[in-house]
Amino acid sequence: MSAKMEVARMGEPPKLLVQGLSKVFGGGRDGLQPVEAIASLDLTVNTGEFVTVIGPSGSGKSTLFNIIAGIEQPTSGVIAIDGDSSAQRAGKAGYMLQQPLLLPWRSVEENVMLGLDVRRVPRRQALGQARELLKRFGLAEFARHYPSTLSGGMRQRVALLRTVLFNHSFLLLDEPFGALDALTRLSLQMWLLDLWQSFHSSVLFITHDVREAILLSDRIYVLSARPARVLRVVDVDLPRPRRPEQLALEQAVTLEQELIALLLKEQKL
């Protein structure tokens, strides 16, 4: 049993607990036909865990994240963060979408400190924290550059650091590397693992890339086609620290084939 699992066993509440979650859109006074996006979904992220969600396109993964982040409310079910199941979840997780969404008129350091500005942290303090983080992760020389001068991979790094500085305890990452080329994506995957281990963050991650899920994760949740249900939960039994060459191991290849077969069966063409 890992140290993280031992902590959970000893009674510490999980970082995230989702029980019996459902979400239905429409069907009210708007006259729209109701659409069930999520149906009775259970999910857990323990403290310090890296958990990934995979599933067919349109299966409700982003809806799940919006509910966890407090952007949307569930139709039914429980969402508890650090044992708190109140409906006020905004700000309890750092949330990053696929697009970096950097503000073009703000420099790199000013984009990284954006979440602290929203929280009204004094500017000098926020700027100091942003610069320290940029230095720690090798981006100090780009602190005063603007997003338009950066590569796609560099913009994703900046967006990740902005998310971490907002709340490094719990990160919701919705396909952050989906638009990148293969080599840049691999570089960012290893960079993310370094960042995760440095901050001992709890991470919930969405991807359509099964190999990415295996490389990064402690556990993988496989969702069905809409309405989203959990089809399978897989523990990824590969030693850490992870390296790309581990994906060539027999157990990783077998797991990849099993997950792809499961997803293809669910994908509605």
Protein backbone atom coordinates (compact mmCIF):
# COMPACT_ATOMS: atom_id res chain seq x y z
CA MET A 1 0.00 0.00 0.00
CA SER A 2 1.37 3.41 -0.99
CA ALA A 3 1.89 6.21 1.52
CA LYS A 4 -1.01 8.13 -0.07
CA MET A 5 -3.35 5.18 0.29
CA GLU A 6 -2.18 4.68 3.86
CA VAL A 7 -3.12 8.27 4.71
CA ALA A 8 -6.58 7.75 3.19
CA ARG A 9 -7.03 4.49 5.10
CA MET A 10 -6.20 6.19 8.40
CA GLY A 11 -9.31 8.34 8.13
CA GLU A 12 -8.33 11.54 6.33
CA PRO A 13 -11.20 12.59 4.04
CA PRO A 14 -10.40 12.33 0.34
CA LYS A 15 -9.54 15.51 -1.50
CA LEU A 16 -12.58 14.89 -3.71
CA LEU A 17 -15.57 12.63 -3.15
CA VAL A 18 -18.32 12.37 -5.78
CA GLN A 19 -21.29 10.14 -4.96
CA GLY A 20 -24.42 9.44 -6.96
CA LEU A 21 -23.84 12.45 -9.20
CA SER A 22 -26.38 13.13 -11.94
CA LYS A 23 -26.94 16.07 -14.26
CA VAL A 24 -29.92 16.68 -16.53
CA PHE A 25 -30.09 19.66 -18.89
CA GLY A 26 -33.40 21.07 -20.13
CA GLY A 27 -36.85 19.71 -19.46
CA GLY A 28 -38.00 22.72 -17.45
CA ARG A 29 -39.99 25.79 -18.42
CA ASP A 30 -37.70 26.31 -21.41
CA GLY A 31 -39.60 23.51 -23.18
CA LEU A 32 -36.42 21.70 -24.24
CA GLN A 33 -36.24 17.94 -24.29
CA PRO A 34 -34.30 16.85 -21.17
CA VAL A 35 -30.79 15.55 -21.81
CA GLU A 36 -29.18 13.35 -19.15
CA ALA A 37 -25.46 14.13 -19.20
CA ILE A 38 -24.34 12.23 -16.09
CA ALA A 39 -26.08 9.35 -14.34
CA SER A 40 -25.28 8.14 -10.80
CA LEU A 41 -21.52 8.66 -11.04
CA ASP A 42 -19.12 7.90 -8.17
CA LEU A 43 -15.50 9.08 -8.13
CA THR A 44 -12.77 9.67 -5.54
CA VAL A 45 -9.44 11.50 -5.58
CA ASN A 46 -7.33 10.90 -2.48
CA THR A 47 -4.88 13.47 -1.18
CA GLY A 48 -1.80 13.57 -3.40
CA GLU A 49 -3.30 11.30 -6.05
CA PHE A 50 -3.16 11.77 -9.80
CA VAL A 51 -6.47 10.51 -11.19
CA THR A 52 -7.46 10.60 -14.86
CA VAL A 53 -10.88 10.45 -16.50
CA ILE A 54 -11.21 9.06 -20.03
CA GLY A 55 -14.33 8.44 -22.08
CA PRO A 56 -15.92 8.88 -25.51
CA SER A 57 -16.37 12.38 -26.92
CA GLY A 58 -19.50 14.01 -25.54
CA SER A 59 -19.68 11.69 -22.54
CA GLY A 60 -19.96 14.49 -19.98
CA LYS A 61 -16.36 14.79 -18.79
CA SER A 62 -16.24 18.59 -19.01
CA THR A 63 -19.70 18.82 -17.43
CA LEU A 64 -18.34 16.76 -14.54
CA PHE A 65 -15.46 19.22 -14.13
CA ASN A 66 -17.75 22.24 -14.29
CA ILE A 67 -19.86 20.76 -11.51
CA ILE A 68 -16.83 19.99 -9.33
CA ALA A 69 -15.50 23.52 -9.89
CA GLY A 70 -18.84 25.04 -8.88
CA ILE A 71 -19.59 26.54 -12.31
CA GLU A 72 -22.67 24.32 -12.59
CA GLN A 73 -24.80 22.59 -9.96
CA PRO A 74 -25.74 18.91 -10.12
CA THR A 75 -29.28 17.67 -10.49
CA SER A 76 -28.59 15.27 -7.64
CA GLY A 77 -25.69 13.72 -5.76
CA VAL A 78 -22.90 14.78 -3.42
CA ILE A 79 -19.63 16.57 -4.19
CA ALA A 80 -17.31 16.99 -1.22
CA ILE A 81 -13.90 18.69 -1.32
CA ASP A 82 -11.78 18.06 1.78
CA GLY A 83 -14.90 16.73 3.46
CA ASP A 84 -16.96 19.87 2.72
CA SER A 85 -20.09 19.09 0.70
CA SER A 86 -21.47 22.64 0.54
CA ALA A 87 -22.62 23.99 -2.82
CA GLN A 88 -20.02 26.79 -2.65
CA ARG A 89 -17.12 25.14 -4.46
CA ALA A 90 -15.76 28.10 -6.44
CA GLY A 91 -12.07 28.64 -5.72
CA LYS A 92 -11.55 25.26 -4.05
CA ALA A 93 -9.68 23.94 -7.11
CA GLY A 94 -7.37 25.35 -9.72
CA TYR A 95 -9.17 24.76 -13.04
CA MET A 96 -7.38 24.73 -16.41
CA LEU A 97 -9.10 24.22 -19.77
CA GLN A 98 -7.58 22.94 -22.99
CA GLN A 99 -6.89 26.46 -24.26
CA PRO A 100 -4.43 28.51 -22.16
CA LEU A 101 -6.67 31.63 -22.24
CA LEU A 102 -3.81 33.97 -21.35
CA LEU A 103 -4.60 37.68 -21.35
CA PRO A 104 -2.65 39.15 -24.29
CA TRP A 105 -2.14 42.56 -22.64
CA ARG A 106 -0.54 41.03 -19.54
CA SER A 107 3.05 39.77 -19.38
CA VAL A 108 3.88 36.19 -18.39
CA GLU A 109 4.40 37.10 -14.74
CA GLU A 110 1.19 39.15 -14.70
CA ASN A 111 -0.76 36.23 -16.21
CA VAL A 112 0.67 33.83 -13.61
CA MET A 113 -0.41 36.12 -10.77
CA LEU A 114 -3.93 36.63 -12.19
CA GLY A 115 -5.65 34.34 -9.68
CA LEU A 116 -4.00 36.16 -6.80
CA ASP A 117 -5.24 39.46 -8.24
CA VAL A 118 -8.76 38.05 -8.26
CA ARG A 119 -8.31 37.11 -4.60
CA ARG A 120 -7.10 40.66 -3.88
CA VAL A 121 -3.66 39.57 -2.73
CA PRO A 122 -1.44 42.70 -2.47
CA ARG A 123 0.32 43.24 -5.79
CA ARG A 124 3.87 43.13 -4.42
CA GLN A 125 3.17 39.85 -2.65
CA ALA A 126 1.45 38.34 -5.71
CA LEU A 127 4.25 39.42 -8.02
CA GLY A 128 6.85 37.93 -5.68
CA GLN A 129 5.04 34.58 -5.63
CA ALA A 130 4.69 34.56 -9.42
CA ARG A 131 8.38 35.32 -9.95
CA GLU A 132 9.42 32.66 -7.45
CA LEU A 133 7.29 30.06 -9.25
CA LEU A 134 8.61 31.06 -12.68
CA LYS A 135 12.18 30.76 -11.41
CA ARG A 136 11.52 27.41 -9.75
CA PHE A 137 10.20 25.91 -12.99
CA GLY A 138 12.67 27.44 -15.43
CA LEU A 139 10.60 30.28 -16.90
CA ALA A 140 12.15 33.29 -15.18
CA GLU A 141 13.74 34.59 -18.39
CA PHE A 142 10.28 34.87 -19.97
CA ALA A 143 8.66 36.72 -17.05
CA ARG A 144 8.21 39.99 -18.94
CA HIS A 145 7.37 38.50 -22.32
CA TYR A 146 3.83 38.64 -23.69
CA PRO A 147 1.77 35.60 -24.77
CA SER A 148 2.02 36.46 -28.47
CA THR A 149 5.80 35.89 -28.35
CA LEU A 150 5.55 32.39 -26.84
CA SER A 151 5.21 28.96 -28.44
CA GLY A 152 2.11 26.86 -27.81
CA GLY A 153 3.94 24.68 -25.31
CA MET A 154 5.27 27.70 -23.45
CA ARG A 155 1.79 29.22 -23.22
CA GLN A 156 0.52 25.98 -21.71
CA ARG A 157 3.32 26.06 -19.13
CA VAL A 158 2.37 29.59 -18.15
CA ALA A 159 -1.31 28.63 -17.89
CA LEU A 160 -0.41 25.66 -15.71
CA LEU A 161 1.64 27.83 -13.36
CA ARG A 162 -1.24 30.32 -13.16
CA THR A 163 -3.53 27.43 -12.18
CA VAL A 164 -1.05 26.13 -9.61
CA LEU A 165 -0.55 29.55 -8.03
CA PHE A 166 -4.32 29.95 -7.72
CA ASN A 167 -4.69 26.62 -5.88
CA HIS A 168 -1.93 24.00 -6.00
CA SER A 169 -3.67 21.72 -3.47
CA PHE A 170 -6.31 20.50 -5.95
CA LEU A 171 -6.01 20.82 -9.74
CA LEU A 172 -8.70 20.16 -12.35
CA LEU A 173 -6.97 19.85 -15.74
CA ASP A 174 -9.29 19.44 -18.74
CA GLU A 175 -7.21 18.15 -21.68
CA PRO A 176 -4.45 20.76 -21.18
CA PHE A 177 -2.18 19.14 -23.81
CA GLY A 178 -4.79 18.15 -26.38
CA ALA A 179 -3.79 20.74 -29.01
CA LEU A 180 -0.01 20.18 -28.83
CA ASP A 181 2.25 18.18 -31.16
CA ALA A 182 3.56 14.84 -29.90
CA LEU A 183 7.03 15.95 -28.76
CA THR A 184 5.80 19.11 -27.06
CA ARG A 185 3.05 17.08 -25.42
CA LEU A 186 5.51 14.55 -24.03
CA SER A 187 7.72 17.34 -22.68
CA LEU A 188 4.72 18.93 -20.96
CA GLN A 189 3.62 15.60 -19.50
CA MET A 190 6.97 15.13 -17.79
CA TRP A 191 6.98 18.78 -16.69
CA LEU A 192 3.52 18.32 -15.17
CA LEU A 193 4.65 15.23 -13.25
CA ASP A 194 7.57 17.22 -11.84
CA LEU A 195 5.23 20.03 -10.84
CA TRP A 196 2.73 17.59 -9.28
CA GLN A 197 5.41 15.87 -7.22
CA SER A 198 6.91 19.19 -6.12
CA PHE A 199 3.61 20.48 -4.70
CA HIS A 200 2.11 17.11 -3.64
CA SER A 201 -1.03 18.22 -5.44
CA SER A 202 -4.20 16.21 -5.89
CA VAL A 203 -4.99 16.13 -9.61
CA LEU A 204 -8.08 15.21 -11.62
CA PHE A 205 -7.18 15.13 -15.30
CA ILE A 206 -9.18 14.65 -18.51
CA THR A 207 -7.65 13.22 -21.66
CA HIS A 208 -8.64 11.34 -24.81
CA ASP A 209 -5.11 9.90 -25.03
CA VAL A 210 -4.96 6.49 -23.34
CA ARG A 211 -1.15 6.42 -23.33
CA GLU A 212 -1.10 9.83 -21.63
CA ALA A 213 -3.50 8.52 -18.98
CA ILE A 214 -1.29 5.51 -18.29
CA LEU A 215 1.90 7.57 -18.15
CA LEU A 216 0.54 10.13 -15.69
CA SER A 217 -2.00 8.40 -13.47
CA ASP A 218 -2.31 6.51 -10.23
CA ARG A 219 -5.87 5.56 -11.23
CA ILE A 220 -8.00 5.86 -14.35
CA TYR A 221 -11.79 6.18 -14.47
CA VAL A 222 -13.33 5.02 -17.75
CA LEU A 223 -16.69 6.66 -18.48
CA SER A 224 -19.47 5.37 -20.68
CA ALA A 225 -21.11 7.26 -23.52
CA ARG A 226 -23.73 9.79 -22.42
CA PRO A 227 -25.15 9.66 -19.85
CA ALA A 228 -21.78 9.22 -18.17
CA ARG A 229 -21.41 6.28 -15.82
CA VAL A 230 -18.23 4.68 -14.53
CA LEU A 231 -17.50 1.58 -16.62
CA ARG A 232 -14.21 0.66 -15.01
CA VAL A 233 -11.68 1.94 -12.48
CA VAL A 234 -8.06 0.92 -13.13
CA ASP A 235 -5.07 1.19 -10.81
CA VAL A 236 -1.94 1.92 -12.87
CA ASP A 237 0.70 -0.31 -11.34
CA LEU A 238 3.82 1.30 -12.77
CA PRO A 239 6.62 2.50 -10.48
CA ARG A 240 7.29 6.19 -9.98
CA PRO A 241 8.96 8.38 -11.03
CA ARG A 242 7.41 7.65 -14.41
CA ARG A 243 9.37 7.65 -17.63
CA PRO A 244 8.02 7.42 -21.23
CA GLU A 245 9.87 4.15 -21.84
CA GLN A 246 7.64 2.46 -19.25
CA LEU A 247 4.84 2.62 -21.80
CA ALA A 248 6.66 -0.16 -23.69
CA LEU A 249 6.38 -2.55 -20.74
CA GLU A 250 4.07 -5.52 -21.30
CA GLN A 251 1.67 -4.51 -18.53
CA ALA A 252 1.35 -0.98 -19.96
CA VAL A 253 0.78 -2.24 -23.50
CA THR A 254 -1.85 -4.73 -22.30
CA LEU A 255 -3.64 -2.04 -20.29
CA GLU A 256 -3.59 0.33 -23.27
CA GLN A 257 -5.15 -2.30 -25.52
CA GLU A 258 -7.86 -3.08 -22.96
CA LEU A 259 -8.78 0.58 -22.46
CA ILE A 260 -8.85 1.35 -26.18
CA ALA A 261 -11.11 -1.66 -26.80
CA LEU A 262 -13.45 -0.48 -24.04
CA LEU A 263 -13.59 3.06 -25.43
CA LEU A 264 -14.18 1.90 -29.00
CA LYS A 265 -17.07 -0.21 -27.80
CA GLU A 266 -18.63 2.84 -26.14
CA GLN A 267 -17.94 5.40 -28.87
CA LYS A 268 -21.10 6.28 -30.75
CA LEU A 269 -20.17 6.90 -34.37
